[in-house]
Protein backbone atom coordinates (compact mmCIF):
# COMPACT_ATOMS: atom_id res chain seq x y z
CA MET A 1 56.18 -21.94 35.10
CA LYS A 2 54.12 -23.30 37.96
CA ILE A 3 52.08 -20.61 39.75
CA VAL A 4 50.35 -21.14 43.08
CA MET A 5 48.29 -18.71 45.12
CA ALA A 6 48.58 -18.98 48.91
CA GLU A 7 45.51 -20.51 50.54
CA HIS A 8 45.05 -17.48 52.80
CA ALA A 9 45.83 -14.09 51.26
CA GLY A 10 44.31 -10.67 50.71
CA PHE A 11 41.47 -8.95 52.53
CA CYS A 12 40.80 -10.17 56.05
CA PHE A 13 37.23 -9.98 57.34
CA GLY A 14 37.94 -6.79 59.30
CA VAL A 15 39.20 -4.95 56.23
CA GLN A 16 36.49 -6.44 54.02
CA GLY A 17 33.79 -5.32 56.44
CA ALA A 18 35.21 -1.81 56.74
CA VAL A 19 35.51 -1.26 52.99
CA GLU A 20 32.01 -2.60 52.32
CA LYS A 21 30.57 -0.47 55.12
CA VAL A 22 32.05 2.74 53.75
CA PHE A 23 31.08 2.07 50.13
CA ASN A 24 27.53 1.12 51.19
CA HIS A 25 27.11 4.36 53.15
CA SER A 26 28.58 6.30 50.23
CA LYS A 27 26.05 4.81 47.82
CA LYS A 28 23.28 6.16 50.03
CA GLY A 29 24.51 9.66 49.31
CA GLU A 30 26.02 10.32 52.73
CA LYS A 31 28.84 12.84 52.92
CA LEU A 32 31.72 10.79 54.31
CA THR A 33 35.29 11.56 55.26
CA VAL A 34 37.85 9.10 56.62
CA LEU A 35 40.11 10.08 59.50
CA GLY A 36 43.41 8.99 57.95
CA GLN A 37 43.67 6.08 55.51
CA LEU A 38 40.84 3.56 55.94
CA ILE A 39 43.39 0.83 55.21
CA HIS A 40 47.02 0.93 54.08
CA ASN A 41 46.43 0.55 50.35
CA ARG A 42 46.65 3.43 47.90
CA HIS A 43 44.42 1.70 45.35
CA VAL A 44 41.59 1.41 47.86
CA SER A 45 42.16 5.03 48.88
CA ARG A 46 41.88 6.02 45.21
CA ASP A 47 38.66 4.01 44.78
CA LEU A 48 37.16 5.68 47.86
CA ALA A 49 38.10 9.12 46.56
CA ASN A 50 36.48 8.30 43.21
CA ALA A 51 33.33 7.35 45.12
CA GLY A 52 33.29 10.79 46.72
CA VAL A 53 34.69 9.78 50.11
CA GLY A 54 37.00 12.44 51.54
CA THR A 55 39.99 12.20 53.83
CA ILE A 56 41.07 14.33 56.79
CA SER A 57 44.29 14.09 58.79
CA ASN A 58 42.94 15.26 62.17
CA THR A 59 39.69 15.85 64.01
CA HIS A 60 39.97 19.64 63.70
CA GLU A 61 39.17 19.30 60.00
CA ALA A 62 35.87 17.52 60.67
CA THR A 63 32.68 19.48 60.07
CA ILE A 64 29.20 19.03 61.50
CA ASP A 65 27.66 18.35 58.07
CA GLU A 66 29.69 15.22 57.37
CA THR A 67 30.15 11.76 58.87
CA VAL A 68 33.64 10.85 60.02
CA VAL A 69 34.77 7.26 59.45
CA ILE A 70 37.08 5.75 62.07
CA ARG A 71 39.71 3.73 60.22
CA THR A 72 40.23 -0.02 60.63
CA HIS A 73 43.27 0.61 62.84
CA GLY A 74 41.07 2.35 65.41
CA ALA A 75 41.37 5.75 67.03
CA THR A 76 42.56 7.08 70.36
CA LYS A 77 40.29 7.63 73.34
CA GLU A 78 40.89 11.37 72.94
CA THR A 79 39.74 11.26 69.31
CA TYR A 80 36.42 9.67 70.23
CA ASN A 81 35.93 12.18 73.04
CA GLU A 82 36.57 15.17 70.79
CA LEU A 83 34.23 13.95 68.05
CA ASN A 84 31.50 13.24 70.62
CA ASN A 85 31.95 16.62 72.29
CA ARG A 86 31.55 18.35 68.92
CA ASN A 87 28.49 16.21 68.05
CA ILE A 88 30.19 14.90 64.91
CA ASN A 89 28.42 11.87 63.47
CA THR A 90 30.74 8.86 63.12
CA ILE A 91 30.92 5.44 61.52
CA ASP A 92 33.25 3.13 63.42
CA ALA A 93 35.10 0.85 61.01
CA THR A 94 37.63 -0.33 63.61
CA CYS A 95 38.57 -3.98 63.10
CA PRO A 96 36.94 -6.09 65.85
CA TYR A 97 40.32 -7.63 66.62
CA VAL A 98 41.79 -4.17 67.25
CA THR A 99 38.89 -3.35 69.55
CA LYS A 100 39.60 -6.58 71.41
CA VAL A 101 43.23 -5.57 72.03
CA GLN A 102 42.10 -2.18 73.32
CA VAL A 103 39.73 -3.87 75.78
CA VAL A 104 42.25 -6.51 76.90
CA ALA A 105 45.09 -4.01 77.37
CA LYS A 106 42.84 -1.63 79.30
CA LYS A 107 41.73 -4.47 81.63
CA PHE A 108 45.36 -5.46 82.33
CA ASP A 109 46.13 -1.81 83.05
CA GLN A 110 43.21 -1.50 85.45
CA ASP A 111 44.33 -4.68 87.21
CA GLY A 112 47.64 -3.02 88.05
CA PHE A 113 49.88 -4.50 85.36
CA ASN A 114 52.42 -2.53 83.35
CA VAL A 115 51.41 -3.33 79.80
CA VAL A 116 54.00 -4.25 77.16
CA LEU A 117 52.65 -3.93 73.63
CA PHE A 118 54.52 -5.87 70.96
CA GLY A 119 54.02 -3.68 67.90
CA GLU A 120 55.19 -0.90 65.63
CA ARG A 121 55.86 2.31 67.52
CA GLY A 122 53.81 5.11 65.96
CA HIS A 123 51.48 2.79 64.02
CA PRO A 124 47.88 4.07 64.29
CA GLU A 125 46.66 0.78 65.80
CA VAL A 126 49.37 0.90 68.47
CA THR A 127 48.67 4.57 69.16
CA SER A 128 44.98 3.79 69.64
CA ILE A 129 45.69 0.94 72.07
CA VAL A 130 48.12 2.79 74.34
CA SER A 131 45.71 5.74 74.64
CA TYR A 132 43.60 3.57 76.95
CA LEU A 133 46.47 2.88 79.35
CA GLY A 134 47.03 4.88 82.53
CA ASN A 135 49.97 3.05 84.11
CA THR A 136 53.54 3.05 82.82
CA HIS A 137 53.56 1.04 79.61
CA TYR A 138 56.01 0.11 76.87
CA VAL A 139 55.96 -0.57 73.14
CA VAL A 140 58.59 -3.02 71.89
CA GLU A 141 59.21 -3.80 68.23
CA THR A 142 61.83 -6.52 68.63
CA VAL A 143 63.15 -9.13 71.05
CA GLU A 144 66.20 -6.92 71.52
CA GLU A 145 64.03 -4.02 72.66
CA ALA A 146 62.22 -6.31 75.10
CA LYS A 147 65.59 -7.14 76.65
CA GLU A 148 66.02 -3.45 77.49
CA LEU A 149 62.84 -3.29 79.59
CA PRO A 150 63.34 -2.42 83.27
CA HIS A 151 62.48 -4.98 85.91
CA MET A 152 58.92 -4.42 87.18
CA GLU A 153 56.68 -6.17 89.67
CA ARG A 154 53.91 -6.96 87.15
CA TYR A 155 54.01 -7.13 83.37
CA ALA A 156 51.21 -8.01 80.94
CA LEU A 157 52.02 -8.64 77.29
CA VAL A 158 49.68 -8.02 74.35
CA SER A 159 50.34 -7.69 70.63
CA GLN A 160 49.42 -5.54 67.68
CA THR A 161 46.96 -7.68 65.69
CA THR A 162 49.21 -8.09 62.65
CA GLN A 163 52.49 -8.88 64.39
CA SER A 164 54.70 -11.90 63.77
CA LYS A 165 53.39 -15.09 65.37
CA VAL A 166 56.97 -16.42 65.44
CA MET A 167 58.38 -13.49 67.40
CA PHE A 168 55.56 -13.20 69.94
CA PRO A 169 56.60 -16.19 72.09
CA GLU A 170 60.23 -15.02 71.93
CA VAL A 171 59.19 -11.59 73.25
CA ALA A 172 57.03 -13.29 75.89
CA ASP A 173 59.98 -15.33 77.19
CA VAL A 174 62.04 -12.16 77.63
CA VAL A 175 59.30 -10.14 79.33
CA ARG A 176 58.46 -13.06 81.64
CA ASN A 177 61.97 -12.86 83.08
CA LYS A 178 61.70 -9.11 83.62
CA CYS A 179 59.07 -9.26 86.38
CA ASN A 180 57.75 -11.17 89.38
CA HIS A 181 54.20 -11.55 88.06
CA PHE A 182 53.55 -12.09 84.36
CA THR A 183 50.51 -12.64 82.18
CA LEU A 184 49.80 -12.35 78.48
CA SER A 185 47.12 -12.41 75.83
CA ASN A 186 48.11 -13.42 72.31
CA THR A 187 46.09 -10.82 70.45
CA ILE A 188 47.50 -11.55 67.00
CA CYS A 189 44.38 -12.09 64.92
CA ASN A 190 43.62 -15.52 63.50
CA ALA A 191 43.57 -14.22 59.92
CA THR A 192 47.12 -12.89 60.31
CA GLU A 193 48.34 -16.23 61.63
CA LEU A 194 46.67 -18.16 58.81
CA ARG A 195 48.13 -15.77 56.21
CA GLN A 196 51.63 -16.10 57.64
CA ASN A 197 51.39 -19.90 57.89
CA SER A 198 50.23 -20.34 54.30
CA ALA A 199 52.94 -17.95 53.06
CA VAL A 200 55.59 -20.01 54.86
CA GLU A 201 54.33 -23.29 53.37
CA LEU A 202 54.45 -21.83 49.88
CA ALA A 203 57.80 -20.04 50.29
CA LYS A 204 59.44 -23.31 51.34
CA GLU A 205 58.60 -24.86 47.95
CA ALA A 206 58.71 -21.94 45.51
CA ASP A 207 61.88 -20.53 43.94
CA THR A 208 60.18 -17.13 43.61
CA MET A 209 57.60 -15.40 45.81
CA VAL A 210 55.44 -12.41 44.89
CA VAL A 211 53.98 -10.51 47.84
CA ILE A 212 51.25 -8.02 46.93
CA GLY A 213 50.47 -5.11 49.23
CA GLY A 214 51.03 -1.46 50.06
CA ARG A 215 54.54 -0.21 50.72
CA ASN A 216 53.32 1.29 54.02
CA SER A 217 51.39 -1.82 55.07
CA GLY A 218 52.99 -3.34 58.17
CA ASN A 219 51.42 -6.77 57.76
CA THR A 220 52.57 -6.91 54.11
CA GLN A 221 56.12 -5.99 55.12
CA ARG A 222 56.08 -8.81 57.67
CA LEU A 223 54.87 -11.22 54.97
CA VAL A 224 57.85 -10.18 52.85
CA LYS A 225 60.28 -10.79 55.71
CA THR A 226 58.64 -14.13 56.48
CA CYS A 227 58.94 -15.28 52.87
CA GLU A 228 62.56 -14.14 52.68
CA LYS A 229 63.43 -16.62 55.44
CA TYR A 230 62.49 -19.52 53.17
CA CYS A 231 62.81 -18.22 49.61
CA ASN A 232 65.78 -16.51 47.95
CA ARG A 233 63.78 -14.44 45.44
CA VAL A 234 60.97 -12.37 46.92
CA PHE A 235 59.30 -9.44 45.14
CA HIS A 236 57.17 -6.97 47.07
CA ILE A 237 54.79 -5.28 44.63
CA GLU A 238 51.76 -3.01 44.97
CA SER A 239 50.09 -3.99 41.70
CA VAL A 240 50.62 -5.72 38.36
CA GLU A 241 52.27 -2.50 37.12
CA ASP A 242 55.35 -3.42 39.18
CA LEU A 243 55.89 -6.68 37.29
CA THR A 244 57.89 -7.42 34.14
CA LYS A 245 58.32 -10.76 32.42
CA ASP A 246 62.11 -10.71 32.72
CA LEU A 247 61.79 -11.06 36.52
CA PHE A 248 60.64 -14.65 36.03
CA ILE A 249 62.98 -15.88 33.29
CA SER A 250 64.70 -18.34 35.64
CA SER A 251 61.64 -19.21 37.73
CA GLU A 252 60.06 -22.64 37.65
CA PHE A 253 57.73 -22.26 40.64
CA THR A 254 56.28 -18.89 41.65
CA GLY A 255 54.19 -18.50 44.78
CA VAL A 256 51.85 -15.54 45.34
CA THR A 257 50.50 -14.08 48.56
CA ALA A 258 48.99 -10.74 49.56
CA GLY A 259 48.62 -8.54 52.61
CA ALA A 260 45.38 -7.97 54.48
CA SER A 261 44.75 -4.64 52.73
CA THR A 262 45.06 -5.96 49.17
CA PRO A 263 41.75 -6.08 47.25
CA ASP A 264 40.79 -9.10 45.17
CA TYR A 265 40.91 -7.28 41.85
CA ILE A 266 44.59 -6.37 42.38
CA ILE A 267 45.39 -10.02 43.14
CA SER A 268 43.43 -11.19 40.09
CA GLU A 269 45.33 -8.81 37.80
CA VAL A 270 48.66 -10.17 39.09
CA MET A 271 47.56 -13.79 38.67
CA THR A 272 46.32 -13.10 35.13
CA PHE A 273 49.70 -11.55 34.25
CA LEU A 274 51.67 -14.50 35.63
CA GLU A 275 49.43 -17.14 34.11
CA GLY A 276 49.68 -15.42 30.72
CA MET A 277 53.46 -15.68 30.56
């Protein structure tokens, strides 16, 4: 069986930087706690816990004797204000691309646009972005939802960093026709686009695709859907434990890709399993 790893897969630089930052601070003996999951991967969460890094679900649980880590998805304006008001020490591990969307969306809002955010409603990144908006704003997850937007004088479109590069222009075309003045900023990060492109190239040739990533990882779920457009057999797994040899009995060409929150050692274990068949 031929096995090929996608050219772009696994940790993006934002996730890599955040994980390294937290582990480095932990090694110095600092008492750390992450506000939520640092990234959407249970294996990384387990490794952080084993390193002594705690987790809290809200700011009320934070104590003055520990440092609170802001997750890669960012935090709301209110969260930062509360932590500052309580003099809680923080480490900001927000992905730079997420910070960029926050800044861009806020600027559109201040310029009098009604911001439309193409993203997952309730996702922590999306929640963080909309907290900086004062005008009426909307979150749309699909082209169909964009079609339900009311007509407004001015719309500005931005995107969650890990959204589909294919759907963004389709959403833009709909929103453009819903207003008199339209502008946009394609805030899908470059790493996401490269990952999606390389997955598509591989899925077009392979008879089986393996997508590695957390079940609750939005960007991994979008990789799965992208691969399913071009390949009839797609397996979404979290680790090598989800694989059995019988899944590949009829496979001649298996492609492998991984979401942005999937560490290298998980990918290596999967590749070793497949190559050993």
